[in-house]
């Protein structure tokens, strides 16, 4: 997936990279599912610090929380976010 990213997307991806390096958490809000798809694609390619060849994984290193989740997964993800 290649795209010409807007300035906002470039800034967001930079923030995500730096937060990953620092082991910080980031919460991203967007009304655009396409934007969330791009963020999800990017996160799946991020290498875990100190673990060569290992990439971040959904449900372990990051979570997607949007209106497409079924109720059970929606509730479980919400519980993980508020910890």
C-alpha atoms as a PDB file:
ATOM      1  CA  UNK A   1       0.000   0.000   0.000  1.00  0.00           C
ATOM      2  CA  UNK A   2       1.564   3.265  -1.080  1.00  0.00           C
ATOM      3  CA  UNK A   3       0.047   6.675  -0.792  1.00  0.00           C
ATOM      4  CA  UNK A   4       0.976  10.299  -0.872  1.00  0.00           C
ATOM      5  CA  UNK A   5       0.396  11.205   2.738  1.00  0.00           C
ATOM      6  CA  UNK A   6      -0.915  14.587   3.790  1.00  0.00           C
ATOM      7  CA  UNK A   7       1.057  16.728   6.216  1.00  0.00           C
ATOM      8  CA  UNK A   8      -1.238  15.636   9.053  1.00  0.00           C
ATOM      9  CA  UNK A   9      -0.706  11.955   8.265  1.00  0.00           C
ATOM     10  CA  UNK A  10       3.069  12.401   8.095  1.00  0.00           C
ATOM     11  CA  UNK A  11       2.989  14.133  11.489  1.00  0.00           C
ATOM     12  CA  UNK A  12       0.784  11.376  12.952  1.00  0.00           C
ATOM     13  CA  UNK A  13       3.097   8.634  11.665  1.00  0.00           C
ATOM     14  CA  UNK A  14       6.074  10.505  13.130  1.00  0.00           C
ATOM     15  CA  UNK A  15       4.296  10.736  16.503  1.00  0.00           C
ATOM     16  CA  UNK A  16       3.510   7.009  16.345  1.00  0.00           C
ATOM     17  CA  UNK A  17       7.162   6.197  15.562  1.00  0.00           C
ATOM     18  CA  UNK A  18       8.483   8.287  18.420  1.00  0.00           C
ATOM     19  CA  UNK A  19       5.905   6.921  20.867  1.00  0.00           C
ATOM     20  CA  UNK A  20       6.892   3.383  19.880  1.00  0.00           C
ATOM     21  CA  UNK A  21      10.556   4.171  20.554  1.00  0.00           C
ATOM     22  CA  UNK A  22       9.631   5.582  23.979  1.00  0.00           C
ATOM     23  CA  UNK A  23       7.093   2.816  24.772  1.00  0.00           C
ATOM     24  CA  UNK A  24       4.404   5.495  25.144  1.00  0.00           C
ATOM     25  CA  UNK A  25       0.728   5.026  24.407  1.00  0.00           C
ATOM     26  CA  UNK A  26      -1.183   7.049  21.817  1.00  0.00           C
ATOM     27  CA  UNK A  27      -4.909   7.315  21.256  1.00  0.00           C
ATOM     28  CA  UNK A  28      -5.895   8.340  17.714  1.00  0.00           C
ATOM     29  CA  UNK A  29      -9.382   9.617  16.919  1.00  0.00           C
ATOM     30  CA  UNK A  30     -10.657   9.749  13.351  1.00  0.00           C
ATOM     31  CA  UNK A  31     -14.071   9.705  11.693  1.00  0.00           C
ATOM     32  CA  UNK A  32     -12.426   8.260   8.595  1.00  0.00           C
ATOM     33  CA  UNK A  33     -12.155   4.478   8.440  1.00  0.00           C
ATOM     34  CA  UNK A  34      -9.717   4.907   5.534  1.00  0.00           C
ATOM     35  CA  UNK A  35      -7.413   6.919   7.784  1.00  0.00           C
ATOM     36  CA  UNK A  36      -7.644   4.209  10.439  1.00  0.00           C
ATOM     37  CA  UNK A  37      -6.833   1.621   7.749  1.00  0.00           C
ATOM     38  CA  UNK A  38      -3.656   3.548   6.881  1.00  0.00           C
ATOM     39  CA  UNK A  39      -2.677   3.837  10.545  1.00  0.00           C
ATOM     40  CA  UNK A  40      -3.339   0.124  11.016  1.00  0.00           C
ATOM     41  CA  UNK A  41      -1.207  -0.721   7.968  1.00  0.00           C
ATOM     42  CA  UNK A  42       1.613   1.463   9.295  1.00  0.00           C
ATOM     43  CA  UNK A  43       1.445  -0.044  12.792  1.00  0.00           C
ATOM     44  CA  UNK A  44       1.621  -3.575  11.389  1.00  0.00           C
ATOM     45  CA  UNK A  45       4.983  -2.651   9.817  1.00  0.00           C
ATOM     46  CA  UNK A  46       6.541  -1.033  12.913  1.00  0.00           C
ATOM     47  CA  UNK A  47       9.477  -3.013  14.256  1.00  0.00           C
ATOM     48  CA  UNK A  48       9.458  -3.609  18.001  1.00  0.00           C
ATOM     49  CA  UNK A  49      12.356  -1.884  19.747  1.00  0.00           C
ATOM     50  CA  UNK A  50      15.077  -4.311  20.747  1.00  0.00           C
ATOM     51  CA  UNK A  51      13.489  -7.248  18.896  1.00  0.00           C
ATOM     52  CA  UNK A  52      14.977  -7.477  15.432  1.00  0.00           C
ATOM     53  CA  UNK A  53      12.554  -8.844  12.846  1.00  0.00           C
ATOM     54  CA  UNK A  54       9.554  -8.595  15.208  1.00  0.00           C
ATOM     55  CA  UNK A  55       6.685  -6.301  14.288  1.00  0.00           C
ATOM     56  CA  UNK A  56       3.875  -4.891  16.390  1.00  0.00           C
ATOM     57  CA  UNK A  57       0.668  -6.917  16.474  1.00  0.00           C
ATOM     58  CA  UNK A  58      -2.973  -5.945  16.726  1.00  0.00           C
ATOM     59  CA  UNK A  59      -4.480  -7.078  20.005  1.00  0.00           C
ATOM     60  CA  UNK A  60      -1.104  -7.044  21.722  1.00  0.00           C
ATOM     61  CA  UNK A  61       0.762  -3.861  20.856  1.00  0.00           C
ATOM     62  CA  UNK A  62      -2.127  -1.833  19.432  1.00  0.00           C
ATOM     63  CA  UNK A  63      -5.916  -1.973  19.214  1.00  0.00           C
ATOM     64  CA  UNK A  64      -8.391  -0.709  16.691  1.00  0.00           C
ATOM     65  CA  UNK A  65     -11.595   0.605  18.180  1.00  0.00           C
ATOM     66  CA  UNK A  66     -14.227   1.689  15.653  1.00  0.00           C
ATOM     67  CA  UNK A  67     -17.881   1.300  14.723  1.00  0.00           C
ATOM     68  CA  UNK A  68     -17.276  -1.906  12.735  1.00  0.00           C
ATOM     69  CA  UNK A  69     -16.520  -4.034  15.824  1.00  0.00           C
ATOM     70  CA  UNK A  70     -19.144  -6.523  16.990  1.00  0.00           C
ATOM     71  CA  UNK A  71     -20.484  -5.891  20.491  1.00  0.00           C
ATOM     72  CA  UNK A  72     -18.351  -8.504  22.305  1.00  0.00           C
ATOM     73  CA  UNK A  73     -15.099  -7.334  20.723  1.00  0.00           C
ATOM     74  CA  UNK A  74     -16.179  -3.696  21.163  1.00  0.00           C
ATOM     75  CA  UNK A  75     -16.700  -4.263  24.915  1.00  0.00           C
ATOM     76  CA  UNK A  76     -13.453  -6.225  25.338  1.00  0.00           C
ATOM     77  CA  UNK A  77     -11.449  -3.577  23.488  1.00  0.00           C
ATOM     78  CA  UNK A  78     -13.011  -0.801  25.554  1.00  0.00           C
ATOM     79  CA  UNK A  79     -12.005  -2.605  28.751  1.00  0.00           C
ATOM     80  CA  UNK A  80      -8.406  -2.809  27.505  1.00  0.00           C
ATOM     81  CA  UNK A  81      -8.380   0.901  26.670  1.00  0.00           C
ATOM     82  CA  UNK A  82      -9.474   2.017  30.121  1.00  0.00           C
ATOM     83  CA  UNK A  83      -6.809   0.040  31.983  1.00  0.00           C
END
